[in-house]
Protein backbone atom coordinates (compact mmCIF):
# COMPACT_ATOMS: atom_id res chain seq x y z
CA MET A 1 11.09 -39.83 -8.86
CA ARG A 2 14.65 -38.58 -8.48
CA GLN A 3 17.06 -39.97 -5.97
CA LYS A 4 18.25 -37.68 -3.22
CA VAL A 5 21.74 -36.40 -3.99
CA LYS A 6 24.33 -37.16 -1.36
CA LEU A 7 26.00 -33.86 -0.54
CA ALA A 8 29.65 -34.65 -0.01
CA PHE A 9 32.94 -33.54 -1.50
CA ILE A 10 33.63 -35.33 -4.78
CA SER A 11 37.18 -36.59 -4.52
CA ASN A 12 37.55 -37.60 -8.19
CA GLY A 13 38.75 -34.44 -10.00
CA ALA A 14 37.20 -35.27 -13.39
CA ALA A 15 33.83 -36.13 -11.83
CA ARG A 16 33.97 -32.98 -9.70
CA LYS A 17 34.67 -30.82 -12.79
CA ALA A 18 31.84 -32.47 -14.74
CA THR A 19 29.43 -31.94 -11.81
CA TYR A 20 30.57 -28.32 -11.49
CA ASN A 21 29.90 -27.65 -15.18
CA LYS A 22 26.44 -29.30 -15.04
CA ARG A 23 25.41 -27.41 -11.91
CA LYS A 24 26.81 -24.12 -13.22
CA LYS A 25 24.76 -24.57 -16.39
CA GLY A 26 21.68 -25.33 -14.24
CA ILE A 27 22.16 -22.24 -12.07
CA ILE A 28 22.56 -19.98 -15.10
CA LYS A 29 19.43 -21.51 -16.64
CA LYS A 30 17.44 -20.91 -13.43
CA VAL A 31 18.61 -17.28 -13.17
CA SER A 32 17.73 -16.74 -16.83
CA GLU A 33 14.26 -18.26 -16.30
CA LEU A 34 13.70 -16.15 -13.19
CA SER A 35 14.64 -13.01 -15.09
CA THR A 36 12.46 -13.86 -18.10
CA LEU A 37 9.38 -15.28 -16.36
CA CYS A 38 9.19 -12.78 -13.51
CA GLY A 39 10.49 -9.75 -15.37
CA VAL A 40 13.14 -8.99 -12.78
CA SER A 41 16.78 -8.04 -13.06
CA ALA A 42 18.95 -10.92 -11.94
CA CYS A 43 22.56 -11.97 -12.22
CA ALA A 44 24.80 -14.86 -11.28
CA ILE A 45 28.43 -14.63 -10.24
CA ILE A 46 30.25 -17.94 -10.11
CA SER A 47 33.81 -18.42 -8.95
CA ASN A 48 35.43 -21.19 -10.95
CA PRO A 49 37.57 -23.44 -8.75
CA PHE A 50 39.39 -24.93 -11.75
CA ASN A 51 40.83 -21.68 -13.06
CA SER A 52 41.10 -18.17 -11.67
CA GLN A 53 38.38 -16.57 -13.77
CA ILE A 54 35.01 -15.54 -12.39
CA GLU A 55 32.01 -16.27 -14.57
CA VAL A 56 29.22 -13.71 -14.72
CA TRP A 57 25.74 -13.98 -16.20
CA PRO A 58 24.31 -12.19 -18.20
CA ASP A 59 27.49 -10.10 -18.60
CA ARG A 60 29.71 -7.96 -16.39
CA GLU A 61 27.81 -4.72 -17.15
CA GLY A 62 24.41 -6.31 -16.48
CA ALA A 63 25.65 -7.82 -13.22
CA LYS A 64 27.21 -4.49 -12.23
CA LYS A 65 23.85 -2.71 -12.72
CA VAL A 66 22.00 -5.32 -10.64
CA ILE A 67 24.58 -5.12 -7.85
CA GLU A 68 24.52 -1.29 -7.82
CA ARG A 69 20.73 -1.37 -7.68
CA TYR A 70 20.93 -3.84 -4.79
CA HIS A 71 23.39 -1.67 -2.85
CA ASN A 72 21.28 1.46 -3.40
CA SER A 73 18.05 -0.24 -2.32
CA SER A 74 19.58 -2.18 0.57
CA ALA A 75 20.68 1.06 2.24
CA LYS A 76 17.06 2.29 2.17
CA ASP A 77 15.55 -1.05 3.15
CA GLU A 78 18.04 -1.58 5.98
CA THR A 79 15.88 0.52 8.28
CA LYS A 80 12.80 -1.52 7.34
CA ASN A 81 14.36 -4.93 7.86
CA LEU A 82 14.82 -5.63 11.53
CA ASN A 83 16.38 -8.57 13.22
CA GLN A 84 14.62 -10.24 16.14
CA GLU A 85 16.25 -7.97 18.73
CA GLY A 86 15.42 -4.82 16.77
CA LEU A 87 11.80 -5.90 16.38
CA ILE A 88 11.47 -6.59 20.11
CA MET A 89 13.06 -3.24 20.97
CA GLN A 90 10.66 -1.49 18.60
CA ASN A 91 7.68 -3.26 20.22
CA ILE A 92 8.93 -2.31 23.70
CA ALA A 93 9.23 1.34 22.65
CA LYS A 94 5.68 1.30 21.27
CA ALA A 95 4.35 -0.32 24.44
CA ARG A 96 6.12 2.27 26.61
CA ASP A 97 4.64 5.04 24.50
CA ARG A 98 1.12 3.58 24.91
CA LEU A 99 1.69 3.24 28.67
CA ARG A 100 2.85 6.86 28.92
CA LYS A 101 -0.24 8.04 27.03
CA LEU A 102 -2.52 5.99 29.28
CA GLU A 103 -0.81 7.33 32.40
CA ASN A 104 -1.31 10.87 31.10
CA LYS A 105 -5.04 10.15 30.63
CA LYS A 106 -5.43 8.54 34.06
CA PRO A 107 -5.76 11.77 36.11
CA GLU A 108 -8.25 13.15 33.60
CA LYS A 109 -10.33 9.96 33.78
CA LYS A 110 -10.21 10.09 37.57
CA ILE A 111 -11.47 13.68 37.59
CA ASP A 112 -14.14 12.80 35.02
CA LEU A 113 -15.38 10.00 37.28
CA LEU A 114 -15.28 12.33 40.28
CA MET A 115 -17.33 14.94 38.41
CA HIS A 116 -19.95 12.35 37.46
CA GLU A 117 -20.20 11.15 41.05
CA CYS A 118 -20.68 14.74 42.23
CA MET A 119 -23.40 15.20 39.62
CA GLN A 120 -25.20 12.13 41.02
CA ASN A 121 -25.51 13.93 44.36
CA LYS A 122 -22.84 11.95 46.08
CA ASN A 123 -21.41 14.51 48.47
CA LEU A 124 -17.78 13.84 47.62
CA VAL A 125 -16.78 17.48 47.32
CA ASP A 126 -16.45 17.74 51.11
CA ASN A 127 -13.83 14.98 51.15
CA LEU A 128 -11.59 16.41 48.39
CA THR A 129 -8.19 18.00 48.92
CA ALA A 130 -7.42 21.49 47.65
CA GLU A 131 -5.37 20.00 44.78
CA GLU A 132 -8.24 17.71 43.74
CA LEU A 133 -10.71 20.64 43.88
CA LYS A 134 -8.35 22.70 41.71
CA ASP A 135 -8.05 19.84 39.19
CA LEU A 136 -11.84 19.40 39.19
CA ASP A 137 -12.32 23.13 38.57
CA GLU A 138 -9.85 23.08 35.65
CA PHE A 139 -11.53 20.00 34.21
CA ILE A 140 -15.00 21.59 34.41
CA GLU A 141 -13.68 24.79 32.79
CA LYS A 142 -12.13 22.73 29.99
CA LYS A 143 -15.38 20.83 29.40
CA LEU A 144 -17.41 24.07 29.42
CA LYS A 145 -15.05 25.59 26.83
CA GLU A 146 -15.37 22.47 24.64
CA GLU A 147 -19.16 22.69 24.80
CA ASP A 148 -19.09 26.43 24.01
CA ASP A 149 -16.87 25.70 21.00
CA LYS A 150 -19.34 23.05 19.79
CA ILE A 151 -22.27 25.47 20.17
CA ASN A 152 -20.38 28.19 18.28
CA ALA A 153 -19.52 25.74 15.50
CA ILE A 154 -23.17 24.75 15.14
CA GLU A 155 -24.38 28.37 15.12
CA THR A 156 -21.94 29.48 12.41
């Protein structure tokens, strides 16, 4: 079993350079394995602290293609990937939409219930306002038209 590596700045310059070279080699190996085993495009860009050059794997052109592909896809995927706040706002908008739809159905359900109660010989018609009677009439007309449409569809 390996010992846990203590993550701290290495003050000895030679040891730090040796560790950098070993870890850089390990990162490049891992990226190469990922690319080969999974069949994906991958690259590594490593800034060398010991000289001003930047090291790129597999090569600059390959890395450039991967980065361009990332930038092109990230613009499309940006709308898909939401942070916590965006996800909550999206859920709130959906809930408000469902509430609005339910509120729009509420008067229709109320009239439907009223119609069924009238059909069960509960003399509720005498207690209705003119507006409620008008709504009930429109609802009955709508239902009659739906039934006529069903009958016509069956006959043809």
